Amino acid sequence: MPTFLEQLAEELKGIAKTSPDLIAAFKMIANSLYEHRLANHGYMPAPIYIPVKEMGGTDAAFEVVVRVIKNSQSRYLLKRRSQAEADYHGSLHVIGTSVRGEDQPSDILDRLSVEIFGEAGKLSWKDLEKIGTAIYDESPVRRTISVTTVFMLTISEDQRSELTEGWEVVEDFNASDIIPIHAAVLRWTDEEPTRLPIMRASNH
């Protein structure tokens, strides 16, 4: 006897002709998620964060490429993801945050500030140079498309001590421990002044 989830998966194969019961089930799930977002400032619990993103198919995000200047030489820093993260465990990545439904610009900036400096309010929009828009195909890790606004923060070598733990200098954009879409973002960022305002990258 197939389980409810197995029955659901089988019916979804013919999603173009889904039954009224399945449509009603999706509406109930959507309503529950919406109510949870409203009550929790757009936050989704970690265990369902990725599946919910994948069901939606697309999301919006903001990211910050960190560049450090030393002796007139510029280098990029990436942050290594911990094992506690939802995915991409142990990989080097460009830090960022997804946009939540109730976000104000200050909320987005505070989360980026905490990720970089460990505290809200230390980063301002004036500190950031807009690079452009990146369209990410994150499959197979996340089966979703992310439309991401990318900024760059330039710091001095002395300011590196103010950063949170886990930041590493990137010597090779093609290193195997860099998330592929973020390796592409580094190459794109480094194309100044010929850089186009929009790019697309994938993990494939």
C-alpha atoms as a PDB file:
ATOM      1  CA  MET A   1       0.000   0.000   0.000  1.00  0.00           C
ATOM      2  CA  PRO A   2       1.675   3.279  -1.081  1.00  0.00           C
ATOM      3  CA  THR A   3       2.107   5.959   1.554  1.00  0.00           C
ATOM      4  CA  PHE A   4       0.424   9.342   1.275  1.00  0.00           C
ATOM      5  CA  LEU A   5       3.716  10.924   0.175  1.00  0.00           C
ATOM      6  CA  GLU A   6       4.244   8.232  -2.467  1.00  0.00           C
ATOM      7  CA  GLN A   7       0.714   8.827  -3.768  1.00  0.00           C
ATOM      8  CA  LEU A   8       1.374  12.566  -3.803  1.00  0.00           C
ATOM      9  CA  ALA A   9       4.644  12.127  -5.704  1.00  0.00           C
ATOM     10  CA  GLU A  10       2.936   9.878  -8.250  1.00  0.00           C
ATOM     11  CA  GLU A  11       0.133  12.370  -8.837  1.00  0.00           C
ATOM     12  CA  LEU A  12       2.606  15.225  -9.239  1.00  0.00           C
ATOM     13  CA  LYS A  13       4.063  13.464 -12.275  1.00  0.00           C
ATOM     14  CA  GLY A  14       0.908  14.534 -14.069  1.00  0.00           C
ATOM     15  CA  ILE A  15       0.851  17.986 -12.515  1.00  0.00           C
ATOM     16  CA  ALA A  16      -0.759  19.555 -15.605  1.00  0.00           C
ATOM     17  CA  LYS A  17      -3.948  17.646 -14.776  1.00  0.00           C
ATOM     18  CA  THR A  18      -3.784  17.750 -10.992  1.00  0.00           C
ATOM     19  CA  SER A  19      -6.885  16.848  -9.020  1.00  0.00           C
ATOM     20  CA  PRO A  20      -8.935  19.349  -6.998  1.00  0.00           C
ATOM     21  CA  ASP A  21      -7.809  17.535  -3.812  1.00  0.00           C
ATOM     22  CA  LEU A  22      -4.148  18.094  -4.657  1.00  0.00           C
ATOM     23  CA  ILE A  23      -4.767  21.759  -5.473  1.00  0.00           C
ATOM     24  CA  ALA A  24      -6.562  22.152  -2.133  1.00  0.00           C
ATOM     25  CA  ALA A  25      -3.641  20.484  -0.335  1.00  0.00           C
ATOM     26  CA  PHE A  26      -1.155  22.881  -1.908  1.00  0.00           C
ATOM     27  CA  LYS A  27      -3.327  25.846  -0.947  1.00  0.00           C
ATOM     28  CA  MET A  28      -3.436  24.640   2.649  1.00  0.00           C
ATOM     29  CA  ILE A  29       0.350  24.286   2.728  1.00  0.00           C
ATOM     30  CA  ALA A  30       0.799  27.713   1.112  1.00  0.00           C
ATOM     31  CA  ASN A  31      -1.554  29.327   3.627  1.00  0.00           C
ATOM     32  CA  SER A  32       0.247  27.711   6.566  1.00  0.00           C
ATOM     33  CA  LEU A  33       3.650  28.878   5.280  1.00  0.00           C
ATOM     34  CA  TYR A  34       2.317  32.392   4.692  1.00  0.00           C
ATOM     35  CA  GLU A  35       0.906  32.602   8.212  1.00  0.00           C
ATOM     36  CA  HIS A  36       4.203  31.352   9.634  1.00  0.00           C
ATOM     37  CA  ARG A  37       6.129  33.997   7.677  1.00  0.00           C
ATOM     38  CA  LEU A  38       3.833  36.755   8.904  1.00  0.00           C
ATOM     39  CA  ALA A  39       4.255  35.637  12.505  1.00  0.00           C
ATOM     40  CA  ASN A  40       8.043  35.198  12.264  1.00  0.00           C
ATOM     41  CA  HIS A  41       9.198  38.123  10.099  1.00  0.00           C
ATOM     42  CA  GLY A  42       9.562  35.931   7.023  1.00  0.00           C
ATOM     43  CA  TYR A  43      11.714  33.320   8.774  1.00  0.00           C
ATOM     44  CA  MET A  44      11.483  29.668   7.712  1.00  0.00           C
ATOM     45  CA  PRO A  45      12.753  26.887  10.015  1.00  0.00           C
ATOM     46  CA  ALA A  46      16.013  25.320   8.791  1.00  0.00           C
ATOM     47  CA  PRO A  47      14.607  21.804   8.128  1.00  0.00           C
ATOM     48  CA  ILE A  48      12.099  23.108   5.568  1.00  0.00           C
ATOM     49  CA  TYR A  49      13.970  26.175   4.271  1.00  0.00           C
ATOM     50  CA  ILE A  50      15.445  24.475   1.193  1.00  0.00           C
ATOM     51  CA  PRO A  51      12.344  22.413   0.234  1.00  0.00           C
ATOM     52  CA  VAL A  52      10.197  25.554   0.429  1.00  0.00           C
ATOM     53  CA  LYS A  53      12.668  27.436  -1.803  1.00  0.00           C
ATOM     54  CA  GLU A  54      12.625  24.560  -4.276  1.00  0.00           C
ATOM     55  CA  MET A  55       8.830  24.440  -4.399  1.00  0.00           C
ATOM     56  CA  GLY A  56       8.737  28.167  -5.167  1.00  0.00           C
ATOM     57  CA  GLY A  57      11.315  27.733  -7.935  1.00  0.00           C
ATOM     58  CA  THR A  58      12.843  31.206  -7.622  1.00  0.00           C
ATOM     59  CA  ASP A  59      13.906  33.572  -4.887  1.00  0.00           C
ATOM     60  CA  ALA A  60      15.565  36.967  -4.442  1.00  0.00           C
ATOM     61  CA  ALA A  61      18.756  37.572  -2.491  1.00  0.00           C
ATOM     62  CA  PHE A  62      21.520  40.063  -1.726  1.00  0.00           C
ATOM     63  CA  GLU A  63      25.215  39.157  -1.608  1.00  0.00           C
ATOM     64  CA  VAL A  64      28.437  40.983  -0.749  1.00  0.00           C
ATOM     65  CA  VAL A  65      31.823  40.206  -2.308  1.00  0.00           C
ATOM     66  CA  VAL A  66      34.549  41.248   0.131  1.00  0.00           C
ATOM     67  CA  ARG A  67      37.746  42.686  -1.342  1.00  0.00           C
ATOM     68  CA  VAL A  68      40.829  43.515   0.732  1.00  0.00           C
ATOM     69  CA  ILE A  69      43.497  46.021  -0.337  1.00  0.00           C
ATOM     70  CA  LYS A  70      47.097  45.540   0.791  1.00  0.00           C
ATOM     71  CA  ASN A  71      50.054  47.462  -0.657  1.00  0.00           C
ATOM     72  CA  SER A  72      47.869  48.611  -3.570  1.00  0.00           C
ATOM     73  CA  GLN A  73      47.105  44.961  -4.389  1.00  0.00           C
ATOM     74  CA  SER A  74      43.507  43.729  -4.246  1.00  0.00           C
ATOM     75  CA  ARG A  75      42.461  40.224  -3.216  1.00  0.00           C
ATOM     76  CA  TYR A  76      39.090  38.635  -2.543  1.00  0.00           C
ATOM     77  CA  LEU A  77      37.911  36.980   0.652  1.00  0.00           C
ATOM     78  CA  LEU A  78      35.367  34.184   0.867  1.00  0.00           C
ATOM     79  CA  LYS A  79      33.822  32.705   3.982  1.00  0.00           C
ATOM     80  CA  ARG A  80      33.868  28.976   4.674  1.00  0.00           C
ATOM     81  CA  ARG A  81      30.464  27.494   5.413  1.00  0.00           C
ATOM     82  CA  SER A  82      30.120  25.467   8.606  1.00  0.00           C
ATOM     83  CA  GLN A  83      28.668  21.997   8.969  1.00  0.00           C
ATOM     84  CA  ALA A  84      25.660  23.615  10.675  1.00  0.00           C
ATOM     85  CA  GLU A  85      24.596  25.304   7.423  1.00  0.00           C
ATOM     86  CA  ALA A  86      21.667  23.891   5.459  1.00  0.00           C
ATOM     87  CA  ASP A  87      23.903  22.857   2.540  1.00  0.00           C
ATOM     88  CA  TYR A  88      27.212  23.544   0.718  1.00  0.00           C
ATOM     89  CA  HIS A  89      28.955  22.262   3.866  1.00  0.00           C
ATOM     90  CA  GLY A  90      32.603  23.300   4.154  1.00  0.00           C
ATOM     91  CA  SER A  91      32.598  25.267   0.890  1.00  0.00           C
ATOM     92  CA  LEU A  92      33.906  28.783   0.401  1.00  0.00           C
ATOM     93  CA  HIS A  93      31.133  31.198  -0.541  1.00  0.00           C
ATOM     94  CA  VAL A  94      30.136  34.821  -1.101  1.00  0.00           C
ATOM     95  CA  ILE A  95      28.052  35.777   1.931  1.00  0.00           C
ATOM     96  CA  GLY A  96      24.449  36.800   1.418  1.00  0.00           C
ATOM     97  CA  THR A  97      20.873  36.654   2.576  1.00  0.00           C
ATOM     98  CA  SER A  98      17.549  35.805   1.007  1.00  0.00           C
ATOM     99  CA  VAL A  99      14.874  38.486   0.962  1.00  0.00           C
ATOM    100  CA  ARG A 100      12.065  37.853   3.439  1.00  0.00           C
ATOM    101  CA  GLY A 101       8.515  39.032   2.877  1.00  0.00           C
ATOM    102  CA  GLU A 102       8.445  41.621   5.664  1.00  0.00           C
ATOM    103  CA  ASP A 103      11.993  42.935   5.082  1.00  0.00           C
ATOM    104  CA  GLN A 104      12.875  46.593   5.091  1.00  0.00           C
ATOM    105  CA  PRO A 105      16.210  47.544   3.467  1.00  0.00           C
ATOM    106  CA  SER A 106      17.644  47.982   6.974  1.00  0.00           C
ATOM    107  CA  ASP A 107      16.779  44.355   7.834  1.00  0.00           C
ATOM    108  CA  ILE A 108      18.721  43.071   4.837  1.00  0.00           C
ATOM    109  CA  LEU A 109      21.686  45.300   5.671  1.00  0.00           C
ATOM    110  CA  ASP A 110      21.716  44.169   9.312  1.00  0.00           C
ATOM    111  CA  ARG A 111      21.853  40.472   8.353  1.00  0.00           C
ATOM    112  CA  LEU A 112      24.718  41.170   5.946  1.00  0.00           C
ATOM    113  CA  SER A 113      26.496  43.173   8.656  1.00  0.00           C
ATOM    114  CA  VAL A 114      26.164  40.316  11.165  1.00  0.00           C
ATOM    115  CA  GLU A 115      27.524  37.851   8.601  1.00  0.00           C
ATOM    116  CA  ILE A 116      30.561  40.029   7.864  1.00  0.00           C
ATOM    117  CA  PHE A 117      31.320  41.815  11.139  1.00  0.00           C
ATOM    118  CA  GLY A 118      29.361  39.839  13.709  1.00  0.00           C
ATOM    119  CA  GLU A 119      27.050  42.714  14.639  1.00  0.00           C
ATOM    120  CA  ALA A 120      24.206  44.689  13.120  1.00  0.00           C
ATOM    121  CA  GLY A 121      24.659  48.349  12.307  1.00  0.00           C
ATOM    122  CA  LYS A 122      28.355  48.185  11.442  1.00  0.00           C
ATOM    123  CA  LEU A 123      27.731  48.095   7.687  1.00  0.00           C
ATOM    124  CA  SER A 124      26.026  50.867   5.724  1.00  0.00           C
ATOM    125  CA  TRP A 125      24.780  50.990   2.143  1.00  0.00           C
ATOM    126  CA  LYS A 126      27.365  53.728   1.501  1.00  0.00           C
ATOM    127  CA  ASP A 127      30.110  51.163   2.195  1.00  0.00           C
ATOM    128  CA  LEU A 128      28.927  49.005  -0.693  1.00  0.00           C
ATOM    129  CA  GLU A 129      29.578  49.289  -4.415  1.00  0.00           C
ATOM    130  CA  LYS A 130      26.877  47.729  -6.569  1.00  0.00           C
ATOM    131  CA  ILE A 131      28.294  45.136  -8.963  1.00  0.00           C
ATOM    132  CA  GLY A 132      25.072  44.082 -10.683  1.00  0.00           C
ATOM    133  CA  THR A 133      22.527  41.263 -10.835  1.00  0.00           C
ATOM    134  CA  ALA A 134      23.424  37.577 -10.873  1.00  0.00           C
ATOM    135  CA  ILE A 135      20.982  34.882 -11.968  1.00  0.00           C
ATOM    136  CA  TYR A 136      21.981  31.599 -10.338  1.00  0.00           C
ATOM    137  CA  ASP A 137      20.931  28.106 -11.312  1.00  0.00           C
ATOM    138  CA  GLU A 138      21.719  26.409  -8.004  1.00  0.00           C
ATOM    139  CA  SER A 139      20.848  22.852  -9.022  1.00  0.00           C
ATOM    140  CA  PRO A 140      21.641  20.161  -8.146  1.00  0.00           C
ATOM    141  CA  VAL A 141      22.322  21.411  -4.587  1.00  0.00           C
ATOM    142  CA  ARG A 142      19.244  23.641  -4.514  1.00  0.00           C
ATOM    143  CA  ARG A 143      16.784  23.073  -7.340  1.00  0.00           C
ATOM    144  CA  THR A 144      15.956  26.734  -7.651  1.00  0.00           C
ATOM    145  CA  ILE A 145      16.833  29.922  -9.523  1.00  0.00           C
ATOM    146  CA  SER A 146      18.071  32.822  -7.393  1.00  0.00           C
ATOM    147  CA  VAL A 147      17.971  36.407  -8.670  1.00  0.00           C
ATOM    148  CA  THR A 148      20.684  38.075  -6.619  1.00  0.00           C
ATOM    149  CA  THR A 149      21.798  41.685  -6.289  1.00  0.00           C
ATOM    150  CA  VAL A 150      25.566  41.650  -5.778  1.00  0.00           C
ATOM    151  CA  PHE A 151      27.575  44.344  -4.005  1.00  0.00           C
ATOM    152  CA  MET A 152      31.262  44.676  -3.159  1.00  0.00           C
ATOM    153  CA  LEU A 153      32.757  45.787   0.153  1.00  0.00           C
ATOM    154  CA  THR A 154      36.357  46.969   0.011  1.00  0.00           C
ATOM    155  CA  ILE A 155      38.358  46.893   3.244  1.00  0.00           C
ATOM    156  CA  SER A 156      41.974  47.481   4.231  1.00  0.00           C
ATOM    157  CA  GLU A 157      44.262  44.735   5.475  1.00  0.00           C
ATOM    158  CA  ASP A 158      43.995  46.216   8.986  1.00  0.00           C
ATOM    159  CA  GLN A 159      40.196  45.788   8.907  1.00  0.00           C
ATOM    160  CA  ARG A 160      40.458  42.030   8.405  1.00  0.00           C
ATOM    161  CA  SER A 161      40.729  41.616  12.169  1.00  0.00           C
ATOM    162  CA  GLU A 162      37.190  43.038  12.473  1.00  0.00           C
ATOM    163  CA  LEU A 163      35.663  40.258  10.376  1.00  0.00           C
ATOM    164  CA  THR A 164      33.894  37.196  11.737  1.00  0.00           C
ATOM    165  CA  GLU A 165      35.684  33.844  11.742  1.00  0.00           C
ATOM    166  CA  GLY A 166      36.032  31.710   8.636  1.00  0.00           C
ATOM    167  CA  TRP A 167      37.244  34.229   6.035  1.00  0.00           C
ATOM    168  CA  GLU A 168      39.979  33.097   3.644  1.00  0.00           C
ATOM    169  CA  VAL A 169      41.937  34.798   0.878  1.00  0.00           C
ATOM    170  CA  VAL A 170      41.148  33.371  -2.548  1.00  0.00           C
ATOM    171  CA  GLU A 171      44.282  32.509  -4.509  1.00  0.00           C
ATOM    172  CA  ASP A 172      42.577  30.591  -7.312  1.00  0.00           C
ATOM    173  CA  PHE A 173      39.060  31.314  -8.597  1.00  0.00           C
ATOM    174  CA  ASN A 174      38.896  27.732  -9.890  1.00  0.00           C
ATOM    175  CA  ALA A 175      39.648  26.062  -6.542  1.00  0.00           C
ATOM    176  CA  SER A 176      37.455  22.991  -5.988  1.00  0.00           C
ATOM    177  CA  ASP A 177      36.230  24.133  -2.571  1.00  0.00           C
ATOM    178  CA  ILE A 178      34.605  27.321  -3.939  1.00  0.00           C
ATOM    179  CA  ILE A 179      30.895  27.026  -4.758  1.00  0.00           C
ATOM    180  CA  PRO A 180      30.865  27.148  -8.611  1.00  0.00           C
ATOM    181  CA  ILE A 181      28.308  29.980  -8.887  1.00  0.00           C
ATOM    182  CA  HIS A 182      30.447  32.068  -6.541  1.00  0.00           C
ATOM    183  CA  ALA A 183      33.635  31.317  -8.454  1.00  0.00           C
ATOM    184  CA  ALA A 184      31.782  32.748 -11.460  1.00  0.00           C
ATOM    185  CA  VAL A 185      30.785  35.826  -9.430  1.00  0.00           C
ATOM    186  CA  LEU A 186      34.423  36.468  -8.492  1.00  0.00           C
ATOM    187  CA  ARG A 187      35.481  36.291 -12.141  1.00  0.00           C
ATOM    188  CA  TRP A 188      32.606  38.609 -13.098  1.00  0.00           C
ATOM    189  CA  THR A 189      33.453  41.094 -10.327  1.00  0.00           C
ATOM    190  CA  ASP A 190      37.090  41.076 -11.413  1.00  0.00           C
ATOM    191  CA  GLU A 191      36.192  42.061 -15.005  1.00  0.00           C
ATOM    192  CA  GLU A 192      35.956  45.763 -14.135  1.00  0.00           C
ATOM    193  CA  PRO A 193      35.775  48.029 -16.156  1.00  0.00           C
ATOM    194  CA  THR A 194      34.348  45.749 -18.898  1.00  0.00           C
ATOM    195  CA  ARG A 195      31.927  43.990 -16.535  1.00  0.00           C
ATOM    196  CA  LEU A 196      28.337  43.685 -17.751  1.00  0.00           C
ATOM    197  CA  PRO A 197      25.552  44.683 -15.298  1.00  0.00           C
ATOM    198  CA  ILE A 198      23.962  41.217 -15.322  1.00  0.00           C
ATOM    199  CA  MET A 199      25.315  37.681 -15.463  1.00  0.00           C
ATOM    200  CA  ARG A 200      24.111  34.099 -15.236  1.00  0.00           C
ATOM    201  CA  ALA A 201      25.944  31.220 -13.585  1.00  0.00           C
ATOM    202  CA  SER A 202      25.245  27.613 -12.651  1.00  0.00           C
ATOM    203  CA  ASN A 203      26.711  24.916 -10.421  1.00  0.00           C
ATOM    204  CA  HIS A 204      27.132  22.563 -13.386  1.00  0.00           C
END
